[in-house]
PDB file of all heavy atoms in Angstrom:
ATOM      1  N   THR A   1      69.072 139.912 114.003  1.00  0.00           N
ATOM      2  CA  THR A   1      69.960 138.907 113.420  1.00  0.00           C
ATOM      3  C   THR A   1      70.859 138.383 114.525  1.00  0.00           C
ATOM      4  O   THR A   1      71.503 139.168 115.231  1.00  0.00           O
ATOM      5  CB  THR A   1      70.811 139.512 112.285  1.00  0.00           C
ATOM      6  OG1 THR A   1      69.926 139.963 111.258  1.00  0.00           O
ATOM      7  CG2 THR A   1      71.772 138.480 111.722  1.00  0.00           C
ATOM      8  N   VAL A   2      70.885 137.077 114.669  1.00  0.00           N
ATOM      9  CA  VAL A   2      71.680 136.431 115.714  1.00  0.00           C
ATOM     10  C   VAL A   2      72.837 135.688 115.063  1.00  0.00           C
ATOM     11  O   VAL A   2      72.644 134.877 114.159  1.00  0.00           O
ATOM     12  CB  VAL A   2      70.805 135.449 116.533  1.00  0.00           C
ATOM     13  CG1 VAL A   2      71.643 134.734 117.577  1.00  0.00           C
ATOM     14  CG2 VAL A   2      69.646 136.187 117.179  1.00  0.00           C
ATOM     15  N   THR A   3      74.027 135.979 115.533  1.00  0.00           N
ATOM     16  CA  THR A   3      75.221 135.282 115.066  1.00  0.00           C
ATOM     17  C   THR A   3      75.835 134.512 116.228  1.00  0.00           C
ATOM     18  O   THR A   3      75.532 134.775 117.385  1.00  0.00           O
ATOM     19  CB  THR A   3      76.264 136.272 114.502  1.00  0.00           C
ATOM     20  OG1 THR A   3      76.652 137.181 115.545  1.00  0.00           O
ATOM     21  CG2 THR A   3      75.704 137.038 113.311  1.00  0.00           C
ATOM     22  N   GLY A   4      76.682 133.565 115.893  1.00  0.00           N
ATOM     23  CA  GLY A   4      77.415 132.820 116.911  1.00  0.00           C
ATOM     24  C   GLY A   4      76.676 131.645 117.501  1.00  0.00           C
ATOM     25  O   GLY A   4      77.207 130.969 118.387  1.00  0.00           O
ATOM     26  N   HIS A   5      75.473 131.345 117.013  1.00  0.00           N
ATOM     27  CA  HIS A   5      74.721 130.240 117.620  1.00  0.00           C
ATOM     28  C   HIS A   5      75.391 128.897 117.375  1.00  0.00           C
ATOM     29  O   HIS A   5      75.231 127.972 118.168  1.00  0.00           O
ATOM     30  CB  HIS A   5      73.266 130.234 117.148  1.00  0.00           C
ATOM     31  CG  HIS A   5      73.068 129.809 115.736  1.00  0.00           C
ATOM     32  ND1 HIS A   5      72.808 128.521 115.387  1.00  0.00           N
ATOM     33  CD2 HIS A   5      73.110 130.519 114.588  1.00  0.00           C
ATOM     34  CE1 HIS A   5      72.693 128.440 114.076  1.00  0.00           C
ATOM     35  NE2 HIS A   5      72.865 129.651 113.575  1.00  0.00           N
ATOM     36  N   GLU A   6      76.173 128.799 116.314  1.00  0.00           N
ATOM     37  CA  GLU A   6      76.867 127.527 116.050  1.00  0.00           C
ATOM     38  C   GLU A   6      78.028 127.301 117.016  1.00  0.00           C
ATOM     39  O   GLU A   6      78.447 126.169 117.225  1.00  0.00           O
ATOM     40  CB  GLU A   6      77.339 127.488 114.605  1.00  0.00           C
ATOM     41  CG  GLU A   6      76.176 127.427 113.624  1.00  0.00           C
ATOM     42  CD  GLU A   6      76.614 127.510 112.177  1.00  0.00           C
ATOM     43  OE1 GLU A   6      77.747 127.969 111.904  1.00  0.00           O
ATOM     44  OE2 GLU A   6      75.809 127.130 111.316  1.00  0.00           O
ATOM     45  N   GLN A   7      78.549 128.372 117.609  1.00  0.00           N
ATOM     46  CA  GLN A   7      79.630 128.244 118.588  1.00  0.00           C
ATOM     47  C   GLN A   7      79.095 128.041 120.007  1.00  0.00           C
ATOM     48  O   GLN A   7      79.826 127.615 120.886  1.00  0.00           O
ATOM     49  CB  GLN A   7      80.525 129.500 118.574  1.00  0.00           C
ATOM     50  CG  GLN A   7      81.367 129.647 117.334  1.00  0.00           C
ATOM     51  CD  GLN A   7      80.590 130.203 116.145  1.00  0.00           C
ATOM     52  OE1 GLN A   7      79.656 130.960 116.322  1.00  0.00           O
ATOM     53  NE2 GLN A   7      80.983 129.815 114.947  1.00  0.00           N
ATOM     54  N   ALA A   8      77.834 128.350 120.214  1.00  0.00           N
ATOM     55  CA  ALA A   8      77.215 128.213 121.539  1.00  0.00           C
ATOM     56  C   ALA A   8      76.898 126.735 121.802  1.00  0.00           C
ATOM     57  O   ALA A   8      76.838 125.930 120.868  1.00  0.00           O
ATOM     58  CB  ALA A   8      75.944 129.058 121.598  1.00  0.00           C
ATOM     59  N   PRO A   9      76.686 126.373 123.060  1.00  0.00           N
ATOM     60  CA  PRO A   9      76.290 124.994 123.375  1.00  0.00           C
ATOM     61  C   PRO A   9      75.014 124.590 122.626  1.00  0.00           C
ATOM     62  O   PRO A   9      74.186 125.446 122.293  1.00  0.00           O
ATOM     63  CB  PRO A   9      76.051 125.026 124.885  1.00  0.00           C
ATOM     64  CG  PRO A   9      76.859 126.173 125.382  1.00  0.00           C
ATOM     65  CD  PRO A   9      76.830 127.189 124.275  1.00  0.00           C
ATOM     66  N   ALA A  10      74.859 123.313 122.393  1.00  0.00           N
ATOM     67  CA  ALA A  10      73.735 122.794 121.607  1.00  0.00           C
ATOM     68  C   ALA A  10      72.385 123.224 122.181  1.00  0.00           C
ATOM     69  O   ALA A  10      71.470 123.562 121.427  1.00  0.00           O
ATOM     70  CB  ALA A  10      73.816 121.274 121.514  1.00  0.00           C
ATOM     71  N   HIS A  11      72.236 123.216 123.512  1.00  0.00           N
ATOM     72  CA  HIS A  11      70.946 123.601 124.101  1.00  0.00           C
ATOM     73  C   HIS A  11      70.644 125.088 123.881  1.00  0.00           C
ATOM     74  O   HIS A  11      69.489 125.477 123.764  1.00  0.00           O
ATOM     75  CB  HIS A  11      70.872 123.225 125.589  1.00  0.00           C
ATOM     76  CG  HIS A  11      71.862 123.942 126.450  1.00  0.00           C
ATOM     77  ND1 HIS A  11      73.166 123.533 126.581  1.00  0.00           N
ATOM     78  CD2 HIS A  11      71.733 125.048 127.217  1.00  0.00           C
ATOM     79  CE1 HIS A  11      73.809 124.349 127.387  1.00  0.00           C
ATOM     80  NE2 HIS A  11      72.960 125.283 127.789  1.00  0.00           N
ATOM     81  N   VAL A  12      71.668 125.924 123.789  1.00  0.00           N
ATOM     82  CA  VAL A  12      71.477 127.345 123.491  1.00  0.00           C
ATOM     83  C   VAL A  12      71.040 127.512 122.041  1.00  0.00           C
ATOM     84  O   VAL A  12      70.096 128.245 121.743  1.00  0.00           O
ATOM     85  CB  VAL A  12      72.764 128.146 123.789  1.00  0.00           C
ATOM     86  CG1 VAL A  12      72.691 129.551 123.216  1.00  0.00           C
ATOM     87  CG2 VAL A  12      73.030 128.187 125.290  1.00  0.00           C
ATOM     88  N   SER A  13      71.701 126.804 121.155  1.00  0.00           N
ATOM     89  CA  SER A  13      71.339 126.863 119.734  1.00  0.00           C
ATOM     90  C   SER A  13      69.903 126.369 119.527  1.00  0.00           C
ATOM     91  O   SER A  13      69.125 126.979 118.779  1.00  0.00           O
ATOM     92  CB  SER A  13      72.322 126.046 118.909  1.00  0.00           C
ATOM     93  OG  SER A  13      72.099 126.233 117.537  1.00  0.00           O
ATOM     94  N   ALA A  14      69.539 125.303 120.210  1.00  0.00           N
ATOM     95  CA  ALA A  14      68.171 124.771 120.094  1.00  0.00           C
ATOM     96  C   ALA A  14      67.147 125.797 120.576  1.00  0.00           C
ATOM     97  O   ALA A  14      66.092 125.961 119.959  1.00  0.00           O
ATOM     98  CB  ALA A  14      68.046 123.471 120.880  1.00  0.00           C
ATOM     99  N   LEU A  15      67.443 126.495 121.662  1.00  0.00           N
ATOM    100  CA  LEU A  15      66.539 127.526 122.165  1.00  0.00           C
ATOM    101  C   LEU A  15      66.379 128.642 121.143  1.00  0.00           C
ATOM    102  O   LEU A  15      65.278 129.143 120.925  1.00  0.00           O
ATOM    103  CB  LEU A  15      67.052 128.092 123.490  1.00  0.00           C
ATOM    104  CG  LEU A  15      66.243 129.241 124.082  1.00  0.00           C
ATOM    105  CD1 LEU A  15      64.798 128.814 124.367  1.00  0.00           C
ATOM    106  CD2 LEU A  15      66.919 129.771 125.340  1.00  0.00           C
ATOM    107  N   LEU A  16      67.445 129.012 120.488  1.00  0.00           N
ATOM    108  CA  LEU A  16      67.365 130.076 119.489  1.00  0.00           C
ATOM    109  C   LEU A  16      66.480 129.674 118.309  1.00  0.00           C
ATOM    110  O   LEU A  16      65.756 130.508 117.762  1.00  0.00           O
ATOM    111  CB  LEU A  16      68.766 130.458 119.015  1.00  0.00           C
ATOM    112  CG  LEU A  16      69.567 131.228 120.067  1.00  0.00           C
ATOM    113  CD1 LEU A  16      71.042 131.209 119.738  1.00  0.00           C
ATOM    114  CD2 LEU A  16      69.050 132.654 120.192  1.00  0.00           C
ATOM    115  N   PHE A  17      66.503 128.413 117.930  1.00  0.00           N
ATOM    116  CA  PHE A  17      65.599 127.951 116.876  1.00  0.00           C
ATOM    117  C   PHE A  17      64.140 128.017 117.347  1.00  0.00           C
ATOM    118  O   PHE A  17      63.243 128.303 116.553  1.00  0.00           O
ATOM    119  CB  PHE A  17      65.978 126.548 116.400  1.00  0.00           C
ATOM    120  CG  PHE A  17      67.109 126.559 115.415  1.00  0.00           C
ATOM    121  CD1 PHE A  17      68.404 126.292 115.825  1.00  0.00           C
ATOM    122  CD2 PHE A  17      66.888 126.856 114.075  1.00  0.00           C
ATOM    123  CE1 PHE A  17      69.454 126.321 114.921  1.00  0.00           C
ATOM    124  CE2 PHE A  17      67.925 126.886 113.159  1.00  0.00           C
ATOM    125  CZ  PHE A  17      69.221 126.618 113.585  1.00  0.00           C
ATOM    126  N   ARG A  18      63.915 127.798 118.628  1.00  0.00           N
ATOM    127  CA  ARG A  18      62.560 127.938 119.176  1.00  0.00           C
ATOM    128  C   ARG A  18      62.139 129.408 119.180  1.00  0.00           C
ATOM    129  O   ARG A  18      60.983 129.736 118.898  1.00  0.00           O
ATOM    130  CB  ARG A  18      62.490 127.326 120.565  1.00  0.00           C
ATOM    131  CG  ARG A  18      62.664 125.796 120.498  1.00  0.00           C
ATOM    132  CD  ARG A  18      62.722 125.132 121.835  1.00  0.00           C
ATOM    133  NE  ARG A  18      61.475 125.305 122.566  1.00  0.00           N
ATOM    134  CZ  ARG A  18      61.373 125.158 123.878  1.00  0.00           C
ATOM    135  NH1 ARG A  18      62.431 124.834 124.600  1.00  0.00           N
ATOM    136  NH2 ARG A  18      60.218 125.323 124.474  1.00  0.00           N
ATOM    137  N   PHE A  19      63.085 130.319 119.488  1.00  0.00           N
ATOM    138  CA  PHE A  19      62.811 131.749 119.388  1.00  0.00           C
ATOM    139  C   PHE A  19      62.406 132.095 117.963  1.00  0.00           C
ATOM    140  O   PHE A  19      61.455 132.832 117.746  1.00  0.00           O
ATOM    141  CB  PHE A  19      64.065 132.562 119.752  1.00  0.00           C
ATOM    142  CG  PHE A  19      64.199 132.903 121.199  1.00  0.00           C
ATOM    143  CD1 PHE A  19      64.233 131.916 122.165  1.00  0.00           C
ATOM    144  CD2 PHE A  19      64.331 134.209 121.596  1.00  0.00           C
ATOM    145  CE1 PHE A  19      64.386 132.229 123.496  1.00  0.00           C
ATOM    146  CE2 PHE A  19      64.493 134.539 122.928  1.00  0.00           C
ATOM    147  CZ  PHE A  19      64.515 133.549 123.870  1.00  0.00           C
ATOM    148  N   LYS A  20      63.152 131.581 117.001  1.00  0.00           N
ATOM    149  CA  LYS A  20      62.851 131.861 115.598  1.00  0.00           C
ATOM    150  C   LYS A  20      61.434 131.427 115.256  1.00  0.00           C
ATOM    151  O   LYS A  20      60.708 132.146 114.569  1.00  0.00           O
ATOM    152  CB  LYS A  20      63.857 131.191 114.671  1.00  0.00           C
ATOM    153  CG  LYS A  20      63.523 131.425 113.199  1.00  0.00           C
ATOM    154  CD  LYS A  20      64.687 131.252 112.303  1.00  0.00           C
ATOM    155  CE  LYS A  20      64.350 131.469 110.841  1.00  0.00           C
ATOM    156  NZ  LYS A  20      63.555 132.647 110.543  1.00  0.00           N
ATOM    157  N   THR A  21      61.023 130.266 115.743  1.00  0.00           N
ATOM    158  CA  THR A  21      59.667 129.782 115.498  1.00  0.00           C
ATOM    159  C   THR A  21      58.632 130.749 116.073  1.00  0.00           C
ATOM    160  O   THR A  21      57.618 131.042 115.419  1.00  0.00           O
ATOM    161  CB  THR A  21      59.481 128.373 116.098  1.00  0.00           C
ATOM    162  OG1 THR A  21      60.407 127.489 115.459  1.00  0.00           O
ATOM    163  CG2 THR A  21      58.071 127.862 115.907  1.00  0.00           C
ATOM    164  N   VAL A  22      58.871 131.263 117.270  1.00  0.00           N
ATOM    165  CA  VAL A  22      57.940 132.220 117.870  1.00  0.00           C
ATOM    166  C   VAL A  22      57.826 133.459 116.991  1.00  0.00           C
ATOM    167  O   VAL A  22      56.720 133.905 116.660  1.00  0.00           O
ATOM    168  CB  VAL A  22      58.376 132.603 119.308  1.00  0.00           C
ATOM    169  CG1 VAL A  22      57.570 133.793 119.826  1.00  0.00           C
ATOM    170  CG2 VAL A  22      58.245 131.413 120.240  1.00  0.00           C
ATOM    171  N   PHE A  23      58.957 134.025 116.598  1.00  0.00           N
ATOM    172  CA  PHE A  23      58.936 135.222 115.760  1.00  0.00           C
ATOM    173  C   PHE A  23      58.261 134.945 114.420  1.00  0.00           C
ATOM    174  O   PHE A  23      57.459 135.757 113.940  1.00  0.00           O
ATOM    175  CB  PHE A  23      60.350 135.753 115.547  1.00  0.00           C
ATOM    176  CG  PHE A  23      60.855 136.614 116.671  1.00  0.00           C
ATOM    177  CD1 PHE A  23      61.359 136.039 117.830  1.00  0.00           C
ATOM    178  CD2 PHE A  23      60.841 137.994 116.568  1.00  0.00           C
ATOM    179  CE1 PHE A  23      61.840 136.821 118.863  1.00  0.00           C
ATOM    180  CE2 PHE A  23      61.311 138.785 117.600  1.00  0.00           C
ATOM    181  CZ  PHE A  23      61.811 138.205 118.753  1.00  0.00           C
ATOM    182  N   ASP A  24      58.563 133.812 113.807  1.00  0.00           N
ATOM    183  CA  ASP A  24      57.932 133.453 112.525  1.00  0.00           C
ATOM    184  C   ASP A  24      56.425 133.300 112.682  1.00  0.00           C
ATOM    185  O   ASP A  24      55.655 133.765 111.836  1.00  0.00           O
ATOM    186  CB  ASP A  24      58.527 132.158 111.965  1.00  0.00           C
ATOM    187  CG  ASP A  24      59.955 132.307 111.478  1.00  0.00           C
ATOM    188  OD1 ASP A  24      60.454 133.455 111.362  1.00  0.00           O
ATOM    189  OD2 ASP A  24      60.591 131.259 111.219  1.00  0.00           O
ATOM    190  N   ASP A  25      55.997 132.671 113.772  1.00  0.00           N
ATOM    191  CA  ASP A  25      54.563 132.487 114.011  1.00  0.00           C
ATOM    192  C   ASP A  25      53.857 133.815 114.283  1.00  0.00           C
ATOM    193  O   ASP A  25      52.729 134.022 113.832  1.00  0.00           O
ATOM    194  CB  ASP A  25      54.324 131.514 115.168  1.00  0.00           C
ATOM    195  CG  ASP A  25      54.650 130.071 114.810  1.00  0.00           C
ATOM    196  OD1 ASP A  25      54.869 129.781 113.619  1.00  0.00           O
ATOM    197  OD2 ASP A  25      54.687 129.243 115.739  1.00  0.00           O
ATOM    198  N   VAL A  26      54.517 134.712 115.002  1.00  0.00           N
ATOM    199  CA  VAL A  26      53.934 136.038 115.240  1.00  0.00           C
ATOM    200  C   VAL A  26      53.716 136.745 113.911  1.00  0.00           C
ATOM    201  O   VAL A  26      52.656 137.327 113.668  1.00  0.00           O
ATOM    202  CB  VAL A  26      54.841 136.883 116.165  1.00  0.00           C
ATOM    203  CG1 VAL A  26      54.466 138.360 116.103  1.00  0.00           C
ATOM    204  CG2 VAL A  26      54.781 136.384 117.597  1.00  0.00           C
ATOM    205  N   GLN A  27      54.720 136.677 113.057  1.00  0.00           N
ATOM    206  CA  GLN A  27      54.603 137.357 111.765  1.00  0.00           C
ATOM    207  C   GLN A  27      53.483 136.744 110.916  1.00  0.00           C
ATOM    208  O   GLN A  27      52.675 137.455 110.327  1.00  0.00           O
ATOM    209  CB  GLN A  27      55.943 137.304 111.016  1.00  0.00           C
ATOM    210  CG  GLN A  27      55.940 138.130 109.752  1.00  0.00           C
ATOM    211  CD  GLN A  27      57.334 138.465 109.299  1.00  0.00           C
ATOM    212  OE1 GLN A  27      57.698 139.628 109.331  1.00  0.00           O
ATOM    213  NE2 GLN A  27      58.097 137.491 108.872  1.00  0.00           N
ATOM    214  N   LYS A  28      53.411 135.412 110.908  1.00  0.00           N
ATOM    215  CA  LYS A  28      52.418 134.724 110.084  1.00  0.00           C
ATOM    216  C   LYS A  28      51.010 134.827 110.679  1.00  0.00           C
ATOM    217  O   LYS A  28      50.063 135.189 109.976  1.00  0.00           O
ATOM    218  CB  LYS A  28      52.808 133.247 109.938  1.00  0.00           C
ATOM    219  CG  LYS A  28      51.867 132.437 109.064  1.00  0.00           C
ATOM    220  CD  LYS A  28      52.316 131.000 108.975  1.00  0.00           C
ATOM    221  CE  LYS A  28      51.906 130.313 110.253  1.00  0.00           C
ATOM    222  NZ  LYS A  28      52.117 128.898 110.315  1.00  0.00           N
ATOM    223  N   ASP A  29      50.863 134.536 111.957  1.00  0.00           N
ATOM    224  CA  ASP A  29      49.539 134.445 112.572  1.00  0.00           C
ATOM    225  C   ASP A  29      48.954 135.794 112.981  1.00  0.00           C
ATOM    226  O   ASP A  29      47.743 135.967 112.978  1.00  0.00           O
ATOM    227  CB  ASP A  29      49.578 133.540 113.808  1.00  0.00           C
ATOM    228  CG  ASP A  29      49.973 132.109 113.483  1.00  0.00           C
ATOM    229  OD1 ASP A  29      49.920 131.724 112.301  1.00  0.00           O
ATOM    230  OD2 ASP A  29      50.346 131.385 114.420  1.00  0.00           O
ATOM    231  N   GLN A  30      49.809 136.720 113.365  1.00  0.00           N
ATOM    232  CA  GLN A  30      49.343 138.015 113.870  1.00  0.00           C
ATOM    233  C   GLN A  30      49.592 139.165 112.889  1.00  0.00           C
ATOM    234  O   GLN A  30      49.219 140.304 113.166  1.00  0.00           O
ATOM    235  CB  GLN A  30      50.028 138.344 115.203  1.00  0.00           C
ATOM    236  CG  GLN A  30      49.791 137.308 116.278  1.00  0.00           C
ATOM    237  CD  GLN A  30      48.346 137.262 116.705  1.00  0.00           C
ATOM    238  OE1 GLN A  30      47.722 138.285 116.937  1.00  0.00           O
ATOM    239  NE2 GLN A  30      47.803 136.059 116.806  1.00  0.00           N
ATOM    240  N   ASN A  31      50.278 138.859 111.786  1.00  0.00           N
ATOM    241  CA  ASN A  31      50.608 139.874 110.776  1.00  0.00           C
ATOM    242  C   ASN A  31      51.370 141.055 111.390  1.00  0.00           C
ATOM    243  O   ASN A  31      51.117 142.215 111.075  1.00  0.00           O
ATOM    244  CB  ASN A  31      49.351 140.346 110.041  1.00  0.00           C
ATOM    245  CG  ASN A  31      49.687 141.010 108.730  1.00  0.00           C
ATOM    246  OD1 ASN A  31      50.685 140.668 108.093  1.00  0.00           O
ATOM    247  ND2 ASN A  31      48.871 141.948 108.308  1.00  0.00           N
ATOM    248  N   ILE A  32      52.266 140.729 112.299  1.00  0.00           N
ATOM    249  CA  ILE A  32      53.142 141.719 112.934  1.00  0.00           C
ATOM    250  C   ILE A  32      54.526 141.518 112.332  1.00  0.00           C
ATOM    251  O   ILE A  32      55.071 140.413 112.385  1.00  0.00           O
ATOM    252  CB  ILE A  32      53.176 141.536 114.466  1.00  0.00           C
ATOM    253  CG1 ILE A  32      51.779 141.769 115.050  1.00  0.00           C
ATOM    254  CG2 ILE A  32      54.192 142.478 115.092  1.00  0.00           C
ATOM    255  CD1 ILE A  32      51.667 141.436 116.527  1.00  0.00           C
ATOM    256  N   HIS A  33      55.084 142.594 111.764  1.00  0.00           N
ATOM    257  CA  HIS A  33      56.334 142.445 111.028  1.00  0.00           C
ATOM    258  C   HIS A  33      57.538 142.461 111.978  1.00  0.00           C
ATOM    259  O   HIS A  33      58.043 143.519 112.361  1.00  0.00           O
ATOM    260  CB  HIS A  33      56.474 143.521 109.960  1.00  0.00           C
ATOM    261  CG  HIS A  33      57.551 143.197 108.987  1.00  0.00           C
ATOM    262  ND1 HIS A  33      57.392 142.276 107.991  1.00  0.00           N
ATOM    263  CD2 HIS A  33      58.815 143.639 108.897  1.00  0.00           C
ATOM    264  CE1 HIS A  33      58.509 142.175 107.307  1.00  0.00           C
ATOM    265  NE2 HIS A  33      59.397 142.997 107.842  1.00  0.00           N
ATOM    266  N   VAL A  34      57.950 141.263 112.359  1.00  0.00           N
ATOM    267  CA  VAL A  34      59.159 141.056 113.160  1.00  0.00           C
ATOM    268  C   VAL A  34      59.944 139.921 112.494  1.00  0.00           C
ATOM    269  O   VAL A  34      59.365 138.965 112.021  1.00  0.00           O
ATOM    270  CB  VAL A  34      58.843 140.705 114.629  1.00  0.00           C
ATOM    271  CG1 VAL A  34      58.223 141.895 115.335  1.00  0.00           C
ATOM    272  CG2 VAL A  34      57.934 139.500 114.740  1.00  0.00           C
ATOM    273  N   GLU A  35      61.240 140.078 112.458  1.00  0.00           N
ATOM    274  CA  GLU A  35      62.103 139.059 111.876  1.00  0.00           C
ATOM    275  C   GLU A  35      63.132 138.621 112.917  1.00  0.00           C
ATOM    276  O   GLU A  35      63.629 139.429 113.679  1.00  0.00           O
ATOM    277  CB  GLU A  35      62.829 139.598 110.643  1.00  0.00           C
ATOM    278  CG  GLU A  35      61.921 139.966 109.507  1.00  0.00           C
ATOM    279  CD  GLU A  35      62.678 140.552 108.336  1.00  0.00           C
ATOM    280  OE1 GLU A  35      63.918 140.683 108.399  1.00  0.00           O
ATOM    281  OE2 GLU A  35      62.022 140.909 107.338  1.00  0.00           O
ATOM    282  N   PHE A  36      63.460 137.339 112.866  1.00  0.00           N
ATOM    283  CA  PHE A  36      64.483 136.772 113.737  1.00  0.00           C
ATOM    284  C   PHE A  36      65.290 135.821 112.868  1.00  0.00           C
ATOM    285  O   PHE A  36      64.785 134.797 112.426  1.00  0.00           O
ATOM    286  CB  PHE A  36      63.830 136.017 114.904  1.00  0.00           C
ATOM    287  CG  PHE A  36      64.775 135.637 115.996  1.00  0.00           C
ATOM    288  CD1 PHE A  36      65.091 136.529 117.003  1.00  0.00           C
ATOM    289  CD2 PHE A  36      65.349 134.372 116.020  1.00  0.00           C
ATOM    290  CE1 PHE A  36      65.957 136.158 118.032  1.00  0.00           C
ATOM    291  CE2 PHE A  36      66.215 134.006 117.028  1.00  0.00           C
ATOM    292  CZ  PHE A  36      66.514 134.895 118.043  1.00  0.00           C
ATOM    293  N   ASN A  37      66.517 136.207 112.579  1.00  0.00           N
ATOM    294  CA  ASN A  37      67.351 135.449 111.650  1.00  0.00           C
ATOM    295  C   ASN A  37      68.576 134.889 112.353  1.00  0.00           C
ATOM    296  O   ASN A  37      69.211 135.584 113.156  1.00  0.00           O
ATOM    297  CB  ASN A  37      67.792 136.354 110.499  1.00  0.00           C
ATOM    298  CG  ASN A  37      66.607 136.956 109.774  1.00  0.00           C
ATOM    299  OD1 ASN A  37      65.786 136.250 109.224  1.00  0.00           O
ATOM    300  ND2 ASN A  37      66.503 138.287 109.821  1.00  0.00           N
TER     301      ASN A  37
END
């Protein structure tokens, strides 16, 4: 669980959303249970 992304610079927040996509895709495509919130 990641907090504080709204206080971080916009490019940092955008990167974190890309991280979330990677984790979501791993869970969906590889059936590996990892969460990134």
